[in-house]
């Protein structure tokens, strides 16, 4: 009996010494998610986020809070997201120019292809060259002719070096030989405001940003960048493309997408990807996108990740062609 008591005591002591069961891991997400936008207020990403965050918050069960971080041609906010704790509570809303082109033109503290994984592409945007109502030209060809006769006299406002409108503007200058003063702003919103204030004579905008001003007659859309008209939009369906006007090298198209730090656990990345897949089918989201006149062209994260290395290589060639550097 004494021996049995000693054995039981030893077993009890051993059990007490062993670690208890690990505490249950909190369901993800267990707190608000920060959505970093590396651009200023009033741009197309900011406008898209206003409609997306409320709906995706309901799907995820936690608020998604926008954090605007303009600066450094969008690299300040991008670096912040890349270096955030990889727990899925900080993600990035960006585009292909900022993600894959700009980092090739300056020193950055991250590697886009290694430090991020795509959650989802929500759509792509057809950008336009625009001017204000009192500019000395009313069509795209008149603008090019004026710029040729007045080298260095026009201010071209853009959202950042190598961004969504800067790149096609440089393509235009290289093709035509015109010279303009390239004026950087902290995003598409500030760039648009500078045009409306007539500080700049020409700039770029997406339908989301330009619509109300076009309807009010304060902005004139000159040309859609690329070879595809915005044919299903009553406000812009008659705006010609740069390709049909004879300018063949101007063709930068902007993909809008969400990225997560690459080390976010796979199960949490799946939660985010599933949520954005549900977003695409959400009636409120569809109504929002229709209301702002933007299409939805969803592409799943793994599919877009397959495209990113190819786009990186394409932009390497583009930069060399546009700068003359080898």
Protein backbone atom coordinates (compact mmCIF):
# COMPACT_ATOMS: atom_id res chain seq x y z
CA UNK A 1 0.00 0.00 0.00
CA UNK A 2 2.85 2.30 0.92
CA UNK A 3 4.59 1.50 -2.41
CA UNK A 4 1.39 2.25 -4.35
CA UNK A 5 1.00 5.57 -2.55
CA UNK A 6 4.57 6.52 -3.44
CA UNK A 7 3.99 5.66 -7.13
CA UNK A 8 0.79 7.71 -7.25
CA UNK A 9 2.57 10.65 -5.61
CA UNK A 10 5.38 10.43 -8.16
CA UNK A 11 2.90 10.35 -11.06
CA UNK A 12 1.05 13.34 -9.63
CA UNK A 13 4.29 15.27 -9.24
CA UNK A 14 5.31 14.45 -12.81
CA UNK A 15 1.93 15.54 -14.14
CA UNK A 16 2.19 18.79 -12.24
CA UNK A 17 5.63 19.42 -13.74
CA UNK A 18 4.51 18.89 -17.34
CA UNK A 19 3.26 21.95 -19.27
CA UNK A 20 -0.49 22.25 -19.51
CA UNK A 21 -2.37 22.36 -22.80
CA UNK A 22 -1.46 25.34 -24.98
CA UNK A 23 -3.99 28.16 -24.80
CA UNK A 24 -6.35 28.23 -27.76
CA UNK A 25 -5.17 30.54 -30.53
CA UNK A 26 -7.52 33.46 -31.05
CA UNK A 27 -9.59 33.28 -34.19
CA UNK A 28 -8.22 35.54 -36.92
CA UNK A 29 -8.80 38.41 -37.23
CA UNK A 30 -9.13 39.22 -33.54
CA UNK A 31 -8.67 42.99 -33.85
CA UNK A 32 -8.99 45.72 -36.52
CA UNK A 33 -6.99 45.35 -39.74
CA UNK A 34 -4.94 48.32 -40.95
CA UNK A 35 -5.19 48.95 -44.69
CA UNK A 36 -2.16 50.94 -45.81
CA UNK A 37 -2.61 53.09 -48.90
CA UNK A 38 0.76 54.62 -49.86
CA UNK A 39 -0.91 57.61 -51.53
CA UNK A 40 -2.75 60.78 -50.52
CA UNK A 41 -6.45 61.44 -49.97
CA UNK A 42 -8.85 61.82 -52.88
CA UNK A 43 -7.09 59.50 -55.33
CA UNK A 44 -8.68 56.48 -56.97
CA UNK A 45 -7.35 54.06 -54.34
CA UNK A 46 -8.75 56.19 -51.53
CA UNK A 47 -12.11 56.39 -53.31
CA UNK A 48 -12.20 52.62 -53.90
CA UNK A 49 -11.29 51.93 -50.28
CA UNK A 50 -14.25 53.96 -49.02
CA UNK A 51 -16.61 51.47 -50.60
CA UNK A 52 -14.57 48.34 -49.96
CA UNK A 53 -13.61 48.65 -46.30
CA UNK A 54 -17.12 48.78 -44.84
CA UNK A 55 -18.21 45.67 -46.72
CA UNK A 56 -15.02 43.66 -46.15
CA UNK A 57 -15.18 44.56 -42.45
CA UNK A 58 -18.58 42.87 -42.22
CA UNK A 59 -17.24 39.80 -44.03
CA UNK A 60 -14.18 39.52 -41.77
CA UNK A 61 -15.96 40.45 -38.55
CA UNK A 62 -13.42 43.16 -37.69
CA UNK A 63 -13.06 46.78 -38.83
CA UNK A 64 -10.65 47.56 -41.66
CA UNK A 65 -9.13 50.99 -41.04
CA UNK A 66 -7.48 53.00 -43.81
CA UNK A 67 -4.03 54.45 -43.14
CA UNK A 68 -2.96 56.92 -45.84
CA UNK A 69 0.85 57.08 -46.06
CA UNK A 70 1.98 59.18 -49.04
CA UNK A 71 5.64 59.99 -49.58
CA UNK A 72 8.73 58.78 -51.39
CA UNK A 73 6.81 57.98 -54.60
CA UNK A 74 4.63 55.68 -52.44
CA UNK A 75 7.64 53.79 -51.07
CA UNK A 76 7.18 55.12 -47.53
CA UNK A 77 3.83 53.39 -47.06
CA UNK A 78 4.89 50.32 -49.03
CA UNK A 79 7.95 49.84 -46.80
CA UNK A 80 5.78 50.26 -43.70
CA UNK A 81 3.50 47.44 -44.86
CA UNK A 82 6.41 45.20 -45.92
CA UNK A 83 8.01 45.53 -42.49
CA UNK A 84 4.79 45.22 -40.47
CA UNK A 85 4.33 42.30 -38.10
CA UNK A 86 3.24 39.43 -40.39
CA UNK A 87 0.11 38.48 -38.48
CA UNK A 88 -2.42 39.53 -41.11
CA UNK A 89 -3.49 42.71 -39.32
CA UNK A 90 -1.63 45.05 -41.70
CA UNK A 91 -2.16 44.81 -45.47
CA UNK A 92 -1.44 47.04 -48.46
CA UNK A 93 -3.68 48.46 -51.21
CA UNK A 94 -1.45 49.32 -54.16
CA UNK A 95 -1.01 48.98 -57.91
CA UNK A 96 1.46 47.42 -60.32
CA UNK A 97 3.40 50.62 -60.92
CA UNK A 98 4.06 51.21 -57.22
CA UNK A 99 4.60 47.52 -56.50
CA UNK A 100 6.83 46.50 -59.40
CA UNK A 101 8.09 49.56 -61.27
CA UNK A 102 8.97 52.25 -58.72
CA UNK A 103 11.15 49.94 -56.56
CA UNK A 104 13.38 49.42 -59.62
CA UNK A 105 14.06 53.15 -59.88
CA UNK A 106 15.19 53.93 -56.33
CA UNK A 107 16.77 52.28 -53.32
CA UNK A 108 14.19 50.54 -51.14
CA UNK A 109 14.37 48.49 -47.95
CA UNK A 110 12.28 45.59 -49.22
CA UNK A 111 12.02 43.14 -52.10
CA UNK A 112 8.52 43.32 -53.63
CA UNK A 113 8.61 39.82 -55.10
CA UNK A 114 9.88 38.21 -51.88
CA UNK A 115 8.27 40.35 -49.17
CA UNK A 116 4.65 40.38 -50.38
CA UNK A 117 1.98 37.93 -51.50
CA UNK A 118 -1.12 38.97 -53.38
CA UNK A 119 -4.47 38.74 -51.63
CA UNK A 120 -6.55 39.69 -54.69
CA UNK A 121 -6.71 42.01 -57.67
CA UNK A 122 -10.05 43.80 -57.64
CA UNK A 123 -9.85 45.55 -61.02
CA UNK A 124 -7.69 47.49 -63.44
CA UNK A 125 -8.06 51.16 -64.20
CA UNK A 126 -8.07 52.94 -67.55
CA UNK A 127 -6.35 56.26 -66.95
CA UNK A 128 -6.97 59.44 -68.96
CA UNK A 129 -5.03 62.55 -69.84
CA UNK A 130 -7.09 65.53 -68.66
CA UNK A 131 -6.93 69.32 -68.67
CA UNK A 132 -8.90 72.19 -67.11
CA UNK A 133 -11.55 74.14 -68.99
CA UNK A 134 -9.41 77.25 -69.50
CA UNK A 135 -6.36 75.51 -70.96
CA UNK A 136 -5.24 76.73 -74.42
CA UNK A 137 -6.19 73.40 -75.98
CA UNK A 138 -9.33 71.29 -75.99
CA UNK A 139 -8.22 68.04 -77.65
CA UNK A 140 -5.27 65.72 -77.22
CA UNK A 141 -3.76 66.57 -80.59
CA UNK A 142 -4.12 70.29 -79.86
CA UNK A 143 -2.30 69.68 -76.56
CA UNK A 144 0.61 67.92 -78.30
CA UNK A 145 0.84 70.69 -80.93
CA UNK A 146 0.80 73.38 -78.22
CA UNK A 147 3.46 71.55 -76.20
CA UNK A 148 5.71 71.29 -79.28
CA UNK A 149 5.41 75.04 -79.93
CA UNK A 150 5.89 75.91 -76.25
CA UNK A 151 8.61 73.62 -74.87
CA UNK A 152 8.91 73.66 -71.09
CA UNK A 153 5.89 75.96 -70.58
CA UNK A 154 3.31 73.35 -69.55
CA UNK A 155 3.08 71.90 -66.05
CA UNK A 156 2.16 68.21 -65.99
CA UNK A 157 0.90 67.21 -62.53
CA UNK A 158 1.31 63.59 -61.48
CA UNK A 159 0.85 61.37 -58.44
CA UNK A 160 4.49 60.36 -58.08
CA UNK A 161 7.54 59.46 -60.13
CA UNK A 162 6.95 56.32 -62.23
CA UNK A 163 3.35 56.21 -61.06
CA UNK A 164 0.14 55.53 -63.00
CA UNK A 165 0.16 58.85 -64.91
CA UNK A 166 3.86 59.74 -64.77
CA UNK A 167 4.83 56.66 -66.77
CA UNK A 168 2.51 57.28 -69.76
CA UNK A 169 3.50 60.96 -69.68
CA UNK A 170 7.16 60.01 -70.08
CA UNK A 171 6.17 57.58 -72.84
CA UNK A 172 4.38 60.48 -74.55
CA UNK A 173 7.37 62.83 -74.26
CA UNK A 174 9.71 60.19 -75.61
CA UNK A 175 7.47 59.46 -78.60
CA UNK A 176 6.71 63.09 -79.51
CA UNK A 177 9.80 64.94 -78.31
CA UNK A 178 7.76 67.45 -76.30
CA UNK A 179 9.10 68.87 -73.01
CA UNK A 180 6.94 69.56 -69.96
CA UNK A 181 7.59 70.43 -66.33
CA UNK A 182 6.79 67.27 -64.39
CA UNK A 183 5.20 68.37 -61.09
CA UNK A 184 4.96 65.66 -58.39
CA UNK A 185 2.06 65.55 -55.92
CA UNK A 186 1.33 63.25 -52.99
CA UNK A 187 -1.24 61.15 -54.83
CA UNK A 188 -3.96 61.44 -57.44
CA UNK A 189 -6.20 63.57 -55.22
CA UNK A 190 -3.68 66.39 -54.68
CA UNK A 191 -2.71 66.19 -58.34
CA UNK A 192 -6.34 66.68 -59.38
CA UNK A 193 -6.72 69.64 -57.02
CA UNK A 194 -3.64 71.30 -58.51
CA UNK A 195 -5.18 70.96 -61.97
CA UNK A 196 -8.50 72.41 -60.80
CA UNK A 197 -6.58 75.31 -59.23
CA UNK A 198 -4.86 75.77 -62.62
CA UNK A 199 -1.43 75.38 -61.11
CA UNK A 200 -0.95 72.59 -63.66
CA UNK A 201 -2.29 72.59 -67.20
CA UNK A 202 -2.45 68.86 -67.77
CA UNK A 203 -2.63 65.74 -65.62
CA UNK A 204 -4.26 62.35 -65.44
CA UNK A 205 -7.26 60.83 -63.69
CA UNK A 206 -9.44 57.76 -63.56
CA UNK A 207 -13.21 57.96 -64.19
CA UNK A 208 -13.80 57.65 -60.43
CA UNK A 209 -11.98 60.91 -59.76
CA UNK A 210 -12.88 62.88 -62.87
CA UNK A 211 -16.59 62.20 -63.30
CA UNK A 212 -18.13 64.97 -61.19
CA UNK A 213 -15.70 67.56 -62.59
CA UNK A 214 -16.33 66.47 -66.18
CA UNK A 215 -20.08 66.75 -65.61
CA UNK A 216 -19.56 70.20 -64.07
CA UNK A 217 -17.53 71.26 -67.09
CA UNK A 218 -14.38 72.12 -65.11
CA UNK A 219 -12.30 69.27 -66.53
CA UNK A 220 -11.91 68.10 -70.13
CA UNK A 221 -10.89 64.45 -70.76
CA UNK A 222 -8.42 64.47 -73.65
CA UNK A 223 -7.61 60.79 -74.25
CA UNK A 224 -7.85 57.37 -72.62
CA UNK A 225 -4.38 55.89 -72.21
CA UNK A 226 -3.85 52.75 -74.27
CA UNK A 227 -6.01 51.09 -76.91
CA UNK A 228 -9.29 50.45 -75.07
CA UNK A 229 -12.15 52.94 -74.86
CA UNK A 230 -14.29 53.20 -71.74
CA UNK A 231 -17.16 52.19 -73.99
CA UNK A 232 -19.76 51.20 -71.40
CA UNK A 233 -19.54 54.50 -69.52
CA UNK A 234 -21.91 57.21 -70.80
CA UNK A 235 -19.65 59.99 -69.48
CA UNK A 236 -16.47 58.76 -71.17
CA UNK A 237 -17.50 56.45 -74.03
CA UNK A 238 -16.69 59.10 -76.65
CA UNK A 239 -13.21 59.90 -75.33
CA UNK A 240 -10.68 58.60 -77.90
CA UNK A 241 -7.72 56.42 -76.96
CA UNK A 242 -4.10 57.45 -77.43
CA UNK A 243 -3.67 54.45 -79.76
CA UNK A 244 -6.45 55.50 -82.13
CA UNK A 245 -5.03 59.03 -82.18
CA UNK A 246 -1.79 57.59 -83.49
CA UNK A 247 0.34 57.42 -80.34
CA UNK A 248 1.36 53.77 -80.18
CA UNK A 249 3.83 53.62 -77.28
CA UNK A 250 1.54 55.04 -74.56
CA UNK A 251 0.06 51.95 -72.97
CA UNK A 252 0.45 51.76 -69.17
CA UNK A 253 -2.58 50.10 -67.50
CA UNK A 254 -2.95 50.10 -63.72
CA UNK A 255 -3.99 46.98 -61.77
CA UNK A 256 -5.47 47.68 -58.33
CA UNK A 257 -4.73 44.98 -55.79
CA UNK A 258 -4.20 44.05 -52.16
CA UNK A 259 -0.97 42.59 -50.77
CA UNK A 260 -0.03 40.97 -47.47
CA UNK A 261 3.44 40.58 -45.95
CA UNK A 262 4.85 37.32 -47.35
CA UNK A 263 5.33 35.73 -43.92
CA UNK A 264 1.65 35.96 -42.94
CA UNK A 265 0.66 32.38 -42.01
CA UNK A 266 -1.07 30.48 -44.77
CA UNK A 267 -4.31 29.98 -42.84
CA UNK A 268 -4.62 33.74 -42.26
CA UNK A 269 -3.79 34.55 -45.87
CA UNK A 270 -6.55 32.14 -46.88
CA UNK A 271 -9.03 34.01 -44.64
CA UNK A 272 -8.15 37.27 -46.41
CA UNK A 273 -8.34 35.74 -49.88
CA UNK A 274 -11.68 34.09 -49.12
CA UNK A 275 -13.04 37.40 -47.82
CA UNK A 276 -12.11 39.27 -51.01
CA UNK A 277 -13.57 36.48 -53.11
CA UNK A 278 -16.85 36.97 -51.22
CA UNK A 279 -16.55 40.73 -51.68
CA UNK A 280 -16.70 40.33 -55.47
CA UNK A 281 -20.13 38.69 -55.20
CA UNK A 282 -21.49 41.14 -52.62
CA UNK A 283 -24.48 43.13 -54.01
CA UNK A 284 -23.48 46.26 -52.09
CA UNK A 285 -19.98 46.13 -53.54
CA UNK A 286 -21.32 45.63 -57.05
CA UNK A 287 -23.66 48.60 -56.58
CA UNK A 288 -20.82 50.76 -55.25
CA UNK A 289 -18.57 49.96 -58.20
CA UNK A 290 -21.38 50.65 -60.67
CA UNK A 291 -22.12 53.94 -58.93
CA UNK A 292 -18.53 55.17 -59.26
CA UNK A 293 -18.30 53.87 -62.81
CA UNK A 294 -15.52 51.38 -62.23
CA UNK A 295 -15.46 47.77 -63.48
CA UNK A 296 -14.57 44.71 -61.41
CA UNK A 297 -11.99 42.34 -62.85
CA UNK A 298 -11.19 39.99 -59.99
CA UNK A 299 -8.08 37.84 -60.08
CA UNK A 300 -7.25 35.48 -57.24
CA UNK A 301 -4.06 36.09 -55.28
CA UNK A 302 -2.09 33.01 -56.44
CA UNK A 303 -2.96 33.79 -60.07
CA UNK A 304 -1.74 37.37 -59.80
CA UNK A 305 1.40 36.23 -57.99
CA UNK A 306 2.23 34.22 -61.10
CA UNK A 307 2.07 37.42 -63.17
CA UNK A 308 4.21 39.63 -60.94
CA UNK A 309 7.68 38.32 -61.96
CA UNK A 310 6.80 38.77 -65.63
CA UNK A 311 5.58 42.32 -65.02
CA UNK A 312 8.78 43.07 -63.09
CA UNK A 313 10.86 42.00 -66.10
CA UNK A 314 8.61 43.95 -68.47
CA UNK A 315 9.09 47.11 -66.41
CA UNK A 316 12.86 46.58 -66.29
CA UNK A 317 12.84 46.77 -70.08
CA UNK A 318 10.42 49.73 -70.04
CA UNK A 319 12.66 51.72 -67.69
CA UNK A 320 15.69 51.09 -69.92
CA UNK A 321 13.78 52.20 -73.02
CA UNK A 322 12.44 55.35 -71.35
CA UNK A 323 15.68 56.40 -69.68
CA UNK A 324 18.20 55.20 -72.23
CA UNK A 325 20.09 53.41 -69.47
CA UNK A 326 21.49 49.92 -70.02
